[in-house]
Amino acid sequence: MNQNMKHYLSLVGVTFALGLFLPNQATGADAPVRMGCGIMTFDTVLGWGLAADGKSALGPTHGGVVIDKAGNIYTSANKGVVVFSPDGNVIRSFLDENHSELHDMEIRDEGGTEYIYGARNNNREGIKFQASDGRIVLRLGFPKESGLNLEKFNPTAITVAPNGDIFLSDGYASNVIFKFDKNGKYLMHFGTKGNGLKEFNTAHGMTLDTRYEPARLLICDRNHQPKGRLLHYDLDGNFMAEVVTGLGMPTSVAVHGDYVSVPDLHGRLVILDKSNTIMAVLGHNADPKQRANYNVKREDWIEGIFSGTHGSYWDKNGNLYVQDWNVDGRIMKLVRARSE
């Protein structure tokens, strides 16, 4: 084998491992696409979540994804929340002024009842509602008790501590993260805008990182310069560590066992293990014009290639559901490939 062929095969191997291969050119748009590598290998599900006419039930998307105990998938669109069965059929929805513009969601079982917590950036509040019927049970507005005088309040992320304390990130405005008790009483706040080690430049996404004991906050500092990054803070608001840099624009995080999925607005999804080693990069978009591009229309979607990954969630079997920030409402199901 000559040196040129060795070099070519080496590049091909790297391309497949990082999920950079443009799969439709080889398989056609009517075939599922395999992406990832090793134990983090996935197959796309063609047409998942689309109606018979090929249109999405969602409309424009700028939100997140969560899954209840029954395996139903909740995804937030600009117009509200749509609930899918695992096979991609709409089973119910909450489409009203109380559930619109949910930028981020988390789901939690509390005494046998499942609740969804949401951050409504354009409506300047966090909310808590029953997953079964959408009934709002708690609203979190800007806490005047904080003593802060903010010109804007645009929450982008929300998460819940084991004891029920609620964290709400003002990621599109002050970059302050507010902490409330389970009843919505203001407790404290931390964070400030900037590009320093302990500052946030768009604290865009956040979750409770249960891979560690005790659990801690995992925060997406999306627009940090020179590159987006992830950060760990304890539940008292103390900086712990800069976890990963060089992610582009990390938008949100979802934990599954020892792994975390990190949608990157640059059109890819990164999976990290507990040591924060990159295990796989899924659906990387090689076209700079389509990365972080809200206006990639349905007819221009490419199977297995993302354009602006914004939300993700794992089901109990390790399958992934991924939402793009997208004018036509894209959500994809990725089925975990099993070893023979």
C-alpha atoms as a PDB file:
ATOM      1  CA  MET A   1       0.000   0.000   0.000  1.00  0.00           C
ATOM      2  CA  ASN A   2       1.494   3.348  -1.009  1.00  0.00           C
ATOM      3  CA  GLN A   3       1.716   6.374   1.260  1.00  0.00           C
ATOM      4  CA  ASN A   4      -1.105   8.274  -0.485  1.00  0.00           C
ATOM      5  CA  MET A   5      -3.517   5.393   0.063  1.00  0.00           C
ATOM      6  CA  LYS A   6      -2.489   5.082   3.717  1.00  0.00           C
ATOM      7  CA  HIS A   7      -3.111   8.794   4.203  1.00  0.00           C
ATOM      8  CA  TYR A   8      -6.530   8.564   2.516  1.00  0.00           C
ATOM      9  CA  LEU A   9      -7.639   5.650   4.668  1.00  0.00           C
ATOM     10  CA  SER A  10      -6.446   7.460   7.788  1.00  0.00           C
ATOM     11  CA  LEU A  11      -8.564  10.495   6.922  1.00  0.00           C
ATOM     12  CA  VAL A  12     -11.585   8.324   6.216  1.00  0.00           C
ATOM     13  CA  GLY A  13     -11.204   6.682   9.632  1.00  0.00           C
ATOM     14  CA  VAL A  14     -11.054  10.035  11.392  1.00  0.00           C
ATOM     15  CA  THR A  15     -14.057  11.271   9.423  1.00  0.00           C
ATOM     16  CA  PHE A  16     -16.219   8.337  10.455  1.00  0.00           C
ATOM     17  CA  ALA A  17     -15.091   8.512  14.092  1.00  0.00           C
ATOM     18  CA  LEU A  18     -16.003  12.177  14.410  1.00  0.00           C
ATOM     19  CA  GLY A  19     -19.279  11.862  12.553  1.00  0.00           C
ATOM     20  CA  LEU A  20     -18.101  14.130   9.729  1.00  0.00           C
ATOM     21  CA  PHE A  21     -18.953  11.788   6.869  1.00  0.00           C
ATOM     22  CA  LEU A  22     -21.742  13.171   4.678  1.00  0.00           C
ATOM     23  CA  PRO A  23     -23.888  10.031   4.833  1.00  0.00           C
ATOM     24  CA  ASN A  24     -26.615  10.934   2.339  1.00  0.00           C
ATOM     25  CA  GLN A  25     -24.099  11.031  -0.449  1.00  0.00           C
ATOM     26  CA  ALA A  26     -23.495   7.328   0.143  1.00  0.00           C
ATOM     27  CA  THR A  27     -26.812   5.950   1.394  1.00  0.00           C
ATOM     28  CA  GLY A  28     -29.470   8.198  -0.079  1.00  0.00           C
ATOM     29  CA  ALA A  29     -32.058  10.199   1.824  1.00  0.00           C
ATOM     30  CA  ASP A  30     -34.392   7.212   2.069  1.00  0.00           C
ATOM     31  CA  ALA A  31     -32.063   5.204   4.323  1.00  0.00           C
ATOM     32  CA  PRO A  32     -31.190   5.577   8.009  1.00  0.00           C
ATOM     33  CA  VAL A  33     -27.783   7.033   8.716  1.00  0.00           C
ATOM     34  CA  ARG A  34     -25.280   5.597  11.183  1.00  0.00           C
ATOM     35  CA  MET A  35     -23.221   8.088  13.150  1.00  0.00           C
ATOM     36  CA  GLY A  36     -20.807   8.179  16.075  1.00  0.00           C
ATOM     37  CA  CYS A  37     -18.318   5.492  17.010  1.00  0.00           C
ATOM     38  CA  GLY A  38     -17.681   2.670  19.475  1.00  0.00           C
ATOM     39  CA  ILE A  39     -20.268   2.349  22.239  1.00  0.00           C
ATOM     40  CA  MET A  40     -21.732   5.706  21.160  1.00  0.00           C
ATOM     41  CA  THR A  41     -22.911   4.645  17.718  1.00  0.00           C
ATOM     42  CA  PHE A  42     -26.438   5.607  16.637  1.00  0.00           C
ATOM     43  CA  ASP A  43     -28.818   5.139  13.707  1.00  0.00           C
ATOM     44  CA  THR A  44     -31.266   7.836  12.642  1.00  0.00           C
ATOM     45  CA  VAL A  45     -34.983   7.059  12.378  1.00  0.00           C
ATOM     46  CA  LEU A  46     -36.307   8.329   9.072  1.00  0.00           C
ATOM     47  CA  GLY A  47     -39.232  10.719   9.323  1.00  0.00           C
ATOM     48  CA  TRP A  48     -39.577  10.465  13.089  1.00  0.00           C
ATOM     49  CA  GLY A  49     -42.023  13.097  14.369  1.00  0.00           C
ATOM     50  CA  LEU A  50     -43.181  14.091  10.891  1.00  0.00           C
ATOM     51  CA  ALA A  51     -46.752  13.892   9.626  1.00  0.00           C
ATOM     52  CA  ALA A  52     -47.738  11.922   6.512  1.00  0.00           C
ATOM     53  CA  ASP A  53     -47.240  15.072   4.402  1.00  0.00           C
ATOM     54  CA  GLY A  54     -43.646  15.344   5.668  1.00  0.00           C
ATOM     55  CA  LYS A  55     -44.281  18.420   7.794  1.00  0.00           C
ATOM     56  CA  SER A  56     -43.288  18.795  11.417  1.00  0.00           C
ATOM     57  CA  ALA A  57     -45.952  19.058  14.101  1.00  0.00           C
ATOM     58  CA  LEU A  58     -43.787  21.564  15.942  1.00  0.00           C
ATOM     59  CA  GLY A  59     -43.436  24.686  13.874  1.00  0.00           C
ATOM     60  CA  PRO A  60     -40.450  26.916  14.681  1.00  0.00           C
ATOM     61  CA  THR A  61     -38.264  25.485  17.464  1.00  0.00           C
ATOM     62  CA  HIS A  62     -36.028  27.141  20.031  1.00  0.00           C
ATOM     63  CA  GLY A  63     -36.383  24.785  22.957  1.00  0.00           C
ATOM     64  CA  GLY A  64     -35.605  21.536  24.695  1.00  0.00           C
ATOM     65  CA  VAL A  65     -36.560  17.891  25.112  1.00  0.00           C
ATOM     66  CA  VAL A  66     -37.497  15.736  28.137  1.00  0.00           C
ATOM     67  CA  ILE A  67     -38.924  12.220  28.526  1.00  0.00           C
ATOM     68  CA  ASP A  68     -41.397  10.960  31.130  1.00  0.00           C
ATOM     69  CA  LYS A  69     -41.426   7.585  32.916  1.00  0.00           C
ATOM     70  CA  ALA A  70     -43.739   6.117  30.272  1.00  0.00           C
ATOM     71  CA  GLY A  71     -41.230   6.976  27.551  1.00  0.00           C
ATOM     72  CA  ASN A  72     -43.206   9.845  26.009  1.00  0.00           C
ATOM     73  CA  ILE A  73     -41.144  12.670  24.517  1.00  0.00           C
ATOM     74  CA  TYR A  74     -41.945  16.307  25.338  1.00  0.00           C
ATOM     75  CA  THR A  75     -40.388  18.932  23.123  1.00  0.00           C
ATOM     76  CA  SER A  76     -40.931  22.673  23.346  1.00  0.00           C
ATOM     77  CA  ALA A  77     -41.566  24.797  20.287  1.00  0.00           C
ATOM     78  CA  ASN A  78     -42.259  28.510  20.028  1.00  0.00           C
ATOM     79  CA  LYS A  79     -45.997  27.774  20.098  1.00  0.00           C
ATOM     80  CA  GLY A  80     -45.951  25.439  23.095  1.00  0.00           C
ATOM     81  CA  VAL A  81     -45.173  21.855  24.107  1.00  0.00           C
ATOM     82  CA  VAL A  82     -45.852  18.835  21.864  1.00  0.00           C
ATOM     83  CA  VAL A  83     -45.776  15.296  23.288  1.00  0.00           C
ATOM     84  CA  PHE A  84     -44.752  12.361  21.077  1.00  0.00           C
ATOM     85  CA  SER A  85     -44.952   8.633  21.620  1.00  0.00           C
ATOM     86  CA  PRO A  86     -41.663   6.733  21.166  1.00  0.00           C
ATOM     87  CA  ASP A  87     -42.687   5.881  17.586  1.00  0.00           C
ATOM     88  CA  GLY A  88     -43.103   9.558  16.712  1.00  0.00           C
ATOM     89  CA  ASN A  89     -46.871  10.112  16.868  1.00  0.00           C
ATOM     90  CA  VAL A  90     -48.318  13.166  18.598  1.00  0.00           C
ATOM     91  CA  ILE A  91     -50.326  12.069  21.642  1.00  0.00           C
ATOM     92  CA  ARG A  92     -51.095  15.453  23.248  1.00  0.00           C
ATOM     93  CA  SER A  93     -49.928  19.055  23.349  1.00  0.00           C
ATOM     94  CA  PHE A  94     -50.022  22.180  25.472  1.00  0.00           C
ATOM     95  CA  LEU A  95     -50.389  25.035  22.998  1.00  0.00           C
ATOM     96  CA  ASP A  96     -51.337  28.179  24.872  1.00  0.00           C
ATOM     97  CA  GLU A  97     -49.895  31.390  26.254  1.00  0.00           C
ATOM     98  CA  ASN A  98     -48.660  29.630  29.397  1.00  0.00           C
ATOM     99  CA  HIS A  99     -46.497  27.038  27.627  1.00  0.00           C
ATOM    100  CA  SER A 100     -45.134  28.986  24.665  1.00  0.00           C
ATOM    101  CA  GLU A 101     -41.501  30.077  24.311  1.00  0.00           C
ATOM    102  CA  LEU A 102     -40.102  27.392  26.642  1.00  0.00           C
ATOM    103  CA  HIS A 103     -36.396  27.707  25.959  1.00  0.00           C
ATOM    104  CA  ASP A 104     -35.363  24.900  28.318  1.00  0.00           C
ATOM    105  CA  MET A 105     -37.105  22.110  30.243  1.00  0.00           C
ATOM    106  CA  GLU A 106     -36.342  19.594  32.986  1.00  0.00           C
ATOM    107  CA  ILE A 107     -38.608  16.797  34.228  1.00  0.00           C
ATOM    108  CA  ARG A 108     -38.813  15.518  37.790  1.00  0.00           C
ATOM    109  CA  ASP A 109     -40.848  12.906  39.650  1.00  0.00           C
ATOM    110  CA  GLU A 110     -42.108  14.324  42.940  1.00  0.00           C
ATOM    111  CA  GLY A 111     -44.117  11.951  45.095  1.00  0.00           C
ATOM    112  CA  GLY A 112     -45.326   9.955  42.115  1.00  0.00           C
ATOM    113  CA  THR A 113     -46.352  12.988  40.057  1.00  0.00           C
ATOM    114  CA  GLU A 114     -44.184  14.121  37.168  1.00  0.00           C
ATOM    115  CA  TYR A 115     -43.557  17.845  36.802  1.00  0.00           C
ATOM    116  CA  ILE A 116     -41.820  19.789  34.064  1.00  0.00           C
ATOM    117  CA  TYR A 117     -39.811  22.878  34.928  1.00  0.00           C
ATOM    118  CA  GLY A 118     -39.322  25.395  32.139  1.00  0.00           C
ATOM    119  CA  ALA A 119     -37.454  28.632  31.431  1.00  0.00           C
ATOM    120  CA  ARG A 120     -39.468  31.078  29.312  1.00  0.00           C
ATOM    121  CA  ASN A 121     -36.925  33.595  28.062  1.00  0.00           C
ATOM    122  CA  ASN A 122     -39.298  35.913  26.174  1.00  0.00           C
ATOM    123  CA  ASN A 123     -41.878  35.768  28.954  1.00  0.00           C
ATOM    124  CA  ARG A 124     -39.311  36.505  31.666  1.00  0.00           C
ATOM    125  CA  GLU A 125     -40.168  33.657  34.006  1.00  0.00           C
ATOM    126  CA  GLY A 126     -39.597  30.111  35.090  1.00  0.00           C
ATOM    127  CA  ILE A 127     -42.576  27.791  35.460  1.00  0.00           C
ATOM    128  CA  LYS A 128     -43.456  24.387  36.878  1.00  0.00           C
ATOM    129  CA  PHE A 129     -46.341  22.374  35.451  1.00  0.00           C
ATOM    130  CA  GLN A 130     -47.785  18.877  35.595  1.00  0.00           C
ATOM    131  CA  ALA A 131     -46.575  16.724  32.740  1.00  0.00           C
ATOM    132  CA  SER A 132     -49.930  14.960  32.452  1.00  0.00           C
ATOM    133  CA  ASP A 133     -52.168  17.948  31.846  1.00  0.00           C
ATOM    134  CA  GLY A 134     -49.998  21.072  31.661  1.00  0.00           C
ATOM    135  CA  ARG A 135     -51.430  22.633  34.836  1.00  0.00           C
ATOM    136  CA  ILE A 136     -49.145  25.402  36.094  1.00  0.00           C
ATOM    137  CA  VAL A 137     -48.332  25.016  39.798  1.00  0.00           C
ATOM    138  CA  LEU A 138     -45.478  27.525  40.213  1.00  0.00           C
ATOM    139  CA  ARG A 139     -44.185  30.661  38.525  1.00  0.00           C
ATOM    140  CA  LEU A 140     -40.772  32.222  39.111  1.00  0.00           C
ATOM    141  CA  GLY A 141     -40.375  35.841  38.079  1.00  0.00           C
ATOM    142  CA  PHE A 142     -37.449  38.154  38.702  1.00  0.00           C
ATOM    143  CA  PRO A 143     -36.834  38.131  42.478  1.00  0.00           C
ATOM    144  CA  LYS A 144     -36.777  41.717  43.685  1.00  0.00           C
ATOM    145  CA  GLU A 145     -35.505  40.377  47.014  1.00  0.00           C
ATOM    146  CA  SER A 146     -32.135  39.842  45.296  1.00  0.00           C
ATOM    147  CA  GLY A 147     -31.490  43.585  45.460  1.00  0.00           C
ATOM    148  CA  LEU A 148     -30.379  43.591  41.833  1.00  0.00           C
ATOM    149  CA  ASN A 149     -31.533  46.291  39.456  1.00  0.00           C
ATOM    150  CA  LEU A 150     -31.665  44.530  36.104  1.00  0.00           C
ATOM    151  CA  GLU A 151     -32.692  46.193  32.876  1.00  0.00           C
ATOM    152  CA  LYS A 152     -33.694  42.831  31.399  1.00  0.00           C
ATOM    153  CA  PHE A 153     -34.628  39.385  32.670  1.00  0.00           C
ATOM    154  CA  ASN A 154     -34.548  36.626  30.051  1.00  0.00           C
ATOM    155  CA  PRO A 155     -34.200  33.143  31.606  1.00  0.00           C
ATOM    156  CA  THR A 156     -32.711  30.454  29.377  1.00  0.00           C
ATOM    157  CA  ALA A 157     -32.168  27.431  31.636  1.00  0.00           C
ATOM    158  CA  ILE A 158     -33.625  25.747  34.695  1.00  0.00           C
ATOM    159  CA  THR A 159     -32.723  22.772  36.858  1.00  0.00           C
ATOM    160  CA  VAL A 160     -33.658  21.274  40.221  1.00  0.00           C
ATOM    161  CA  ALA A 161     -31.505  20.100  43.149  1.00  0.00           C
ATOM    162  CA  PRO A 162     -32.200  16.810  44.970  1.00  0.00           C
ATOM    163  CA  ASN A 163     -33.892  18.727  47.817  1.00  0.00           C
ATOM    164  CA  GLY A 164     -36.166  20.601  45.407  1.00  0.00           C
ATOM    165  CA  ASP A 165     -34.243  23.895  45.231  1.00  0.00           C
ATOM    166  CA  ILE A 166     -34.647  25.485  41.786  1.00  0.00           C
ATOM    167  CA  PHE A 167     -31.919  27.180  39.756  1.00  0.00           C
ATOM    168  CA  LEU A 168     -32.917  29.641  37.014  1.00  0.00           C
ATOM    169  CA  SER A 169     -30.289  31.136  34.710  1.00  0.00           C
ATOM    170  CA  ASP A 170     -30.783  34.620  33.276  1.00  0.00           C
ATOM    171  CA  GLY A 171     -28.642  33.620  30.313  1.00  0.00           C
ATOM    172  CA  TYR A 172     -29.878  36.117  27.727  1.00  0.00           C
ATOM    173  CA  ALA A 173     -29.475  39.134  29.992  1.00  0.00           C
ATOM    174  CA  SER A 174     -27.506  39.521  33.241  1.00  0.00           C
ATOM    175  CA  ASN A 175     -25.973  35.997  33.287  1.00  0.00           C
ATOM    176  CA  VAL A 176     -26.913  35.778  36.943  1.00  0.00           C
ATOM    177  CA  ILE A 177     -28.144  32.382  38.189  1.00  0.00           C
ATOM    178  CA  PHE A 178     -30.925  32.636  40.785  1.00  0.00           C
ATOM    179  CA  LYS A 179     -31.637  29.995  43.415  1.00  0.00           C
ATOM    180  CA  PHE A 180     -35.125  29.460  44.865  1.00  0.00           C
ATOM    181  CA  ASP A 181     -36.484  26.918  47.307  1.00  0.00           C
ATOM    182  CA  LYS A 182     -39.074  24.360  46.169  1.00  0.00           C
ATOM    183  CA  ASN A 183     -41.894  26.804  46.922  1.00  0.00           C
ATOM    184  CA  GLY A 184     -40.366  29.595  44.861  1.00  0.00           C
ATOM    185  CA  LYS A 185     -38.832  31.612  47.703  1.00  0.00           C
ATOM    186  CA  TYR A 186     -35.678  33.452  46.631  1.00  0.00           C
ATOM    187  CA  LEU A 187     -32.554  32.138  48.375  1.00  0.00           C
ATOM    188  CA  MET A 188     -29.488  33.595  46.679  1.00  0.00           C
ATOM    189  CA  HIS A 189     -27.817  34.318  43.347  1.00  0.00           C
ATOM    190  CA  PHE A 190     -24.374  34.081  41.778  1.00  0.00           C
ATOM    191  CA  GLY A 191     -22.592  34.852  38.538  1.00  0.00           C
ATOM    192  CA  THR A 192     -21.862  37.878  36.420  1.00  0.00           C
ATOM    193  CA  LYS A 193     -21.350  38.604  32.738  1.00  0.00           C
ATOM    194  CA  GLY A 194     -17.844  38.438  31.276  1.00  0.00           C
ATOM    195  CA  ASN A 195     -15.172  36.198  29.824  1.00  0.00           C
ATOM    196  CA  GLY A 196     -13.207  35.566  32.983  1.00  0.00           C
ATOM    197  CA  LEU A 197     -12.746  32.133  34.516  1.00  0.00           C
ATOM    198  CA  LYS A 198     -15.616  32.647  36.977  1.00  0.00           C
ATOM    199  CA  GLU A 199     -17.828  34.719  34.669  1.00  0.00           C
ATOM    200  CA  PHE A 200     -20.484  33.749  32.115  1.00  0.00           C
ATOM    201  CA  ASN A 201     -20.929  35.013  28.586  1.00  0.00           C
ATOM    202  CA  THR A 202     -24.410  33.585  27.947  1.00  0.00           C
ATOM    203  CA  ALA A 203     -25.120  31.007  30.662  1.00  0.00           C
ATOM    204  CA  HIS A 204     -27.367  29.319  28.128  1.00  0.00           C
ATOM    205  CA  GLY A 205     -27.949  25.772  29.403  1.00  0.00           C
ATOM    206  CA  MET A 206     -27.770  24.039  32.765  1.00  0.00           C
ATOM    207  CA  THR A 207     -28.541  20.727  34.431  1.00  0.00           C
ATOM    208  CA  LEU A 208     -27.912  18.815  37.635  1.00  0.00           C
ATOM    209  CA  ASP A 209     -24.828  16.699  37.003  1.00  0.00           C
ATOM    210  CA  THR A 210     -25.616  13.456  38.797  1.00  0.00           C
ATOM    211  CA  ARG A 211     -22.446  11.714  37.599  1.00  0.00           C
ATOM    212  CA  TYR A 212     -20.732  12.890  40.760  1.00  0.00           C
ATOM    213  CA  GLU A 213     -21.377  12.697  44.498  1.00  0.00           C
ATOM    214  CA  PRO A 214     -22.579  15.112  45.634  1.00  0.00           C
ATOM    215  CA  ALA A 215     -24.396  16.258  42.509  1.00  0.00           C
ATOM    216  CA  ARG A 216     -23.393  19.616  41.097  1.00  0.00           C
ATOM    217  CA  LEU A 217     -24.428  22.118  38.446  1.00  0.00           C
ATOM    218  CA  LEU A 218     -23.172  21.694  34.879  1.00  0.00           C
ATOM    219  CA  ILE A 219     -23.492  25.017  33.056  1.00  0.00           C
ATOM    220  CA  CYS A 220     -23.088  25.852  29.343  1.00  0.00           C
ATOM    221  CA  ASP A 221     -21.165  29.105  28.896  1.00  0.00           C
ATOM    222  CA  ARG A 222     -22.173  29.324  25.250  1.00  0.00           C
ATOM    223  CA  ASN A 223     -20.528  32.534  24.034  1.00  0.00           C
ATOM    224  CA  HIS A 224     -17.398  32.479  26.190  1.00  0.00           C
ATOM    225  CA  GLN A 225     -14.402  33.792  24.282  1.00  0.00           C
ATOM    226  CA  PRO A 226     -12.469  32.427  22.541  1.00  0.00           C
ATOM    227  CA  LYS A 227     -14.610  29.254  22.628  1.00  0.00           C
ATOM    228  CA  GLY A 228     -17.715  28.045  24.399  1.00  0.00           C
ATOM    229  CA  ARG A 229     -17.193  25.860  27.448  1.00  0.00           C
ATOM    230  CA  LEU A 230     -18.810  23.872  30.261  1.00  0.00           C
ATOM    231  CA  LEU A 231     -18.420  24.688  33.956  1.00  0.00           C
ATOM    232  CA  HIS A 232     -19.080  22.954  37.267  1.00  0.00           C
ATOM    233  CA  TYR A 233     -20.501  24.902  40.220  1.00  0.00           C
ATOM    234  CA  ASP A 234     -21.628  23.468  43.539  1.00  0.00           C
ATOM    235  CA  LEU A 235     -25.203  23.937  44.721  1.00  0.00           C
ATOM    236  CA  ASP A 236     -24.187  26.921  46.849  1.00  0.00           C
ATOM    237  CA  GLY A 237     -22.998  28.795  43.773  1.00  0.00           C
ATOM    238  CA  ASN A 238     -19.263  28.220  44.229  1.00  0.00           C
ATOM    239  CA  PHE A 239     -17.033  27.733  41.208  1.00  0.00           C
ATOM    240  CA  MET A 240     -15.552  24.238  41.011  1.00  0.00           C
ATOM    241  CA  ALA A 241     -13.948  23.729  37.601  1.00  0.00           C
ATOM    242  CA  GLU A 242     -13.814  24.623  33.955  1.00  0.00           C
ATOM    243  CA  VAL A 243     -14.834  21.269  32.540  1.00  0.00           C
ATOM    244  CA  VAL A 244     -14.419  21.358  28.766  1.00  0.00           C
ATOM    245  CA  THR A 245     -13.352  24.089  26.378  1.00  0.00           C
ATOM    246  CA  GLY A 246     -13.381  24.246  22.582  1.00  0.00           C
ATOM    247  CA  LEU A 247     -16.984  23.091  22.148  1.00  0.00           C
ATOM    248  CA  GLY A 248     -18.025  25.868  19.813  1.00  0.00           C
ATOM    249  CA  MET A 249     -21.398  27.019  21.193  1.00  0.00           C
ATOM    250  CA  PRO A 250     -22.718  24.487  23.753  1.00  0.00           C
ATOM    251  CA  THR A 251     -26.435  25.092  24.229  1.00  0.00           C
ATOM    252  CA  SER A 252     -27.632  22.508  26.769  1.00  0.00           C
ATOM    253  CA  VAL A 253     -26.665  19.321  28.596  1.00  0.00           C
ATOM    254  CA  ALA A 254     -28.442  16.050  29.421  1.00  0.00           C
ATOM    255  CA  VAL A 255     -27.029  13.343  31.698  1.00  0.00           C
ATOM    256  CA  HIS A 256     -27.483   9.585  31.223  1.00  0.00           C
ATOM    257  CA  GLY A 257     -25.531   7.414  33.652  1.00  0.00           C
ATOM    258  CA  ASP A 258     -21.854   8.336  33.289  1.00  0.00           C
ATOM    259  CA  TYR A 259     -22.413  10.205  30.018  1.00  0.00           C
ATOM    260  CA  VAL A 260     -23.636  13.620  29.003  1.00  0.00           C
ATOM    261  CA  SER A 261     -24.891  14.852  25.630  1.00  0.00           C
ATOM    262  CA  VAL A 262     -23.985  18.406  24.663  1.00  0.00           C
ATOM    263  CA  PRO A 263     -25.801  19.976  21.699  1.00  0.00           C
ATOM    264  CA  ASP A 264     -23.562  22.500  19.961  1.00  0.00           C
ATOM    265  CA  LEU A 265     -25.272  25.245  17.940  1.00  0.00           C
ATOM    266  CA  HIS A 266     -22.567  24.750  15.309  1.00  0.00           C
ATOM    267  CA  GLY A 267     -24.494  21.744  14.004  1.00  0.00           C
ATOM    268  CA  ARG A 268     -23.246  18.771  16.010  1.00  0.00           C
ATOM    269  CA  LEU A 269     -23.830  16.903  19.258  1.00  0.00           C
ATOM    270  CA  VAL A 270     -20.904  15.989  21.522  1.00  0.00           C
ATOM    271  CA  ILE A 271     -20.993  13.088  23.986  1.00  0.00           C
ATOM    272  CA  LEU A 272     -18.665  13.150  27.007  1.00  0.00           C
ATOM    273  CA  ASP A 273     -17.918  10.483  29.598  1.00  0.00           C
ATOM    274  CA  LYS A 274     -17.490  11.033  33.338  1.00  0.00           C
ATOM    275  CA  SER A 275     -13.846  12.024  32.875  1.00  0.00           C
ATOM    276  CA  ASN A 276     -15.063  14.618  30.341  1.00  0.00           C
ATOM    277  CA  THR A 277     -13.365  12.812  27.478  1.00  0.00           C
ATOM    278  CA  ILE A 278     -15.130  13.184  24.130  1.00  0.00           C
ATOM    279  CA  MET A 279     -16.651   9.808  23.246  1.00  0.00           C
ATOM    280  CA  ALA A 280     -18.301  10.795  19.954  1.00  0.00           C
ATOM    281  CA  VAL A 281     -19.332  13.749  17.831  1.00  0.00           C
ATOM    282  CA  LEU A 282     -22.671  13.203  16.094  1.00  0.00           C
ATOM    283  CA  GLY A 283     -24.079  14.793  12.950  1.00  0.00           C
ATOM    284  CA  HIS A 284     -21.331  17.362  12.418  1.00  0.00           C
ATOM    285  CA  ASN A 285     -22.295  19.841   9.700  1.00  0.00           C
ATOM    286  CA  ALA A 286     -19.373  20.442   7.357  1.00  0.00           C
ATOM    287  CA  ASP A 287     -21.109  23.379   5.644  1.00  0.00           C
ATOM    288  CA  PRO A 288     -20.352  26.636   7.507  1.00  0.00           C
ATOM    289  CA  LYS A 289     -23.410  28.259   5.910  1.00  0.00           C
ATOM    290  CA  GLN A 290     -25.730  25.765   7.604  1.00  0.00           C
ATOM    291  CA  ARG A 291     -24.170  25.834  11.074  1.00  0.00           C
ATOM    292  CA  ALA A 292     -26.086  27.822  13.705  1.00  0.00           C
ATOM    293  CA  ASN A 293     -28.564  28.596  10.955  1.00  0.00           C
ATOM    294  CA  TYR A 294     -32.194  28.886  12.038  1.00  0.00           C
ATOM    295  CA  ASN A 295     -33.457  29.169   8.460  1.00  0.00           C
ATOM    296  CA  VAL A 296     -32.513  25.717   7.124  1.00  0.00           C
ATOM    297  CA  LYS A 297     -35.905  24.673   5.729  1.00  0.00           C
ATOM    298  CA  ARG A 298     -37.461  21.211   5.681  1.00  0.00           C
ATOM    299  CA  GLU A 299     -36.487  20.593   2.050  1.00  0.00           C
ATOM    300  CA  ASP A 300     -32.842  21.304   2.895  1.00  0.00           C
ATOM    301  CA  TRP A 301     -32.576  19.014   5.919  1.00  0.00           C
ATOM    302  CA  ILE A 302     -29.944  16.297   5.458  1.00  0.00           C
ATOM    303  CA  GLU A 303     -30.461  12.976   7.176  1.00  0.00           C
ATOM    304  CA  GLY A 304     -27.808  12.538   9.861  1.00  0.00           C
ATOM    305  CA  ILE A 305     -26.552  16.129   9.637  1.00  0.00           C
ATOM    306  CA  PHE A 306     -27.593  18.804  12.133  1.00  0.00           C
ATOM    307  CA  SER A 307     -27.797  22.551  11.581  1.00  0.00           C
ATOM    308  CA  GLY A 308     -28.245  24.089  15.025  1.00  0.00           C
ATOM    309  CA  THR A 309     -28.571  21.527  17.802  1.00  0.00           C
ATOM    310  CA  HIS A 310     -30.300  23.126  20.779  1.00  0.00           C
ATOM    311  CA  GLY A 311     -31.812  20.428  23.011  1.00  0.00           C
ATOM    312  CA  SER A 312     -31.335  16.702  23.638  1.00  0.00           C
ATOM    313  CA  TYR A 313     -32.461  13.950  25.996  1.00  0.00           C
ATOM    314  CA  TRP A 314     -31.753  10.248  26.553  1.00  0.00           C
ATOM    315  CA  ASP A 315     -34.398   7.585  27.013  1.00  0.00           C
ATOM    316  CA  LYS A 316     -33.915   4.638  29.368  1.00  0.00           C
ATOM    317  CA  ASN A 317     -32.388   2.542  26.568  1.00  0.00           C
ATOM    318  CA  GLY A 318     -29.745   5.127  25.731  1.00  0.00           C
ATOM    319  CA  ASN A 319     -31.447   6.413  22.582  1.00  0.00           C
ATOM    320  CA  LEU A 320     -31.195  10.144  21.937  1.00  0.00           C
ATOM    321  CA  TYR A 321     -33.782  12.720  20.897  1.00  0.00           C
ATOM    322  CA  VAL A 322     -32.264  15.885  19.437  1.00  0.00           C
ATOM    323  CA  GLN A 323     -33.919  19.192  18.592  1.00  0.00           C
ATOM    324  CA  ASP A 324     -32.496  21.721  16.163  1.00  0.00           C
ATOM    325  CA  TRP A 325     -33.068  25.447  16.507  1.00  0.00           C
ATOM    326  CA  ASN A 326     -35.040  25.570  13.278  1.00  0.00           C
ATOM    327  CA  VAL A 327     -37.690  27.514  11.379  1.00  0.00           C
ATOM    328  CA  ASP A 328     -39.569  24.333  10.365  1.00  0.00           C
ATOM    329  CA  GLY A 329     -39.345  22.487  13.681  1.00  0.00           C
ATOM    330  CA  ARG A 330     -36.804  19.694  13.459  1.00  0.00           C
ATOM    331  CA  ILE A 331     -36.553  16.916  16.040  1.00  0.00           C
ATOM    332  CA  MET A 332     -34.691  13.657  15.439  1.00  0.00           C
ATOM    333  CA  LYS A 333     -34.576  10.250  17.078  1.00  0.00           C
ATOM    334  CA  LEU A 334     -31.213   8.473  17.219  1.00  0.00           C
ATOM    335  CA  VAL A 335     -31.356   4.795  18.137  1.00  0.00           C
ATOM    336  CA  ARG A 336     -28.361   3.429  20.012  1.00  0.00           C
ATOM    337  CA  ALA A 337     -26.669   0.684  17.981  1.00  0.00           C
ATOM    338  CA  ARG A 338     -26.233  -2.526  19.940  1.00  0.00           C
ATOM    339  CA  SER A 339     -23.136  -4.704  19.914  1.00  0.00           C
ATOM    340  CA  GLU A 340     -23.582  -8.057  18.231  1.00  0.00           C
END
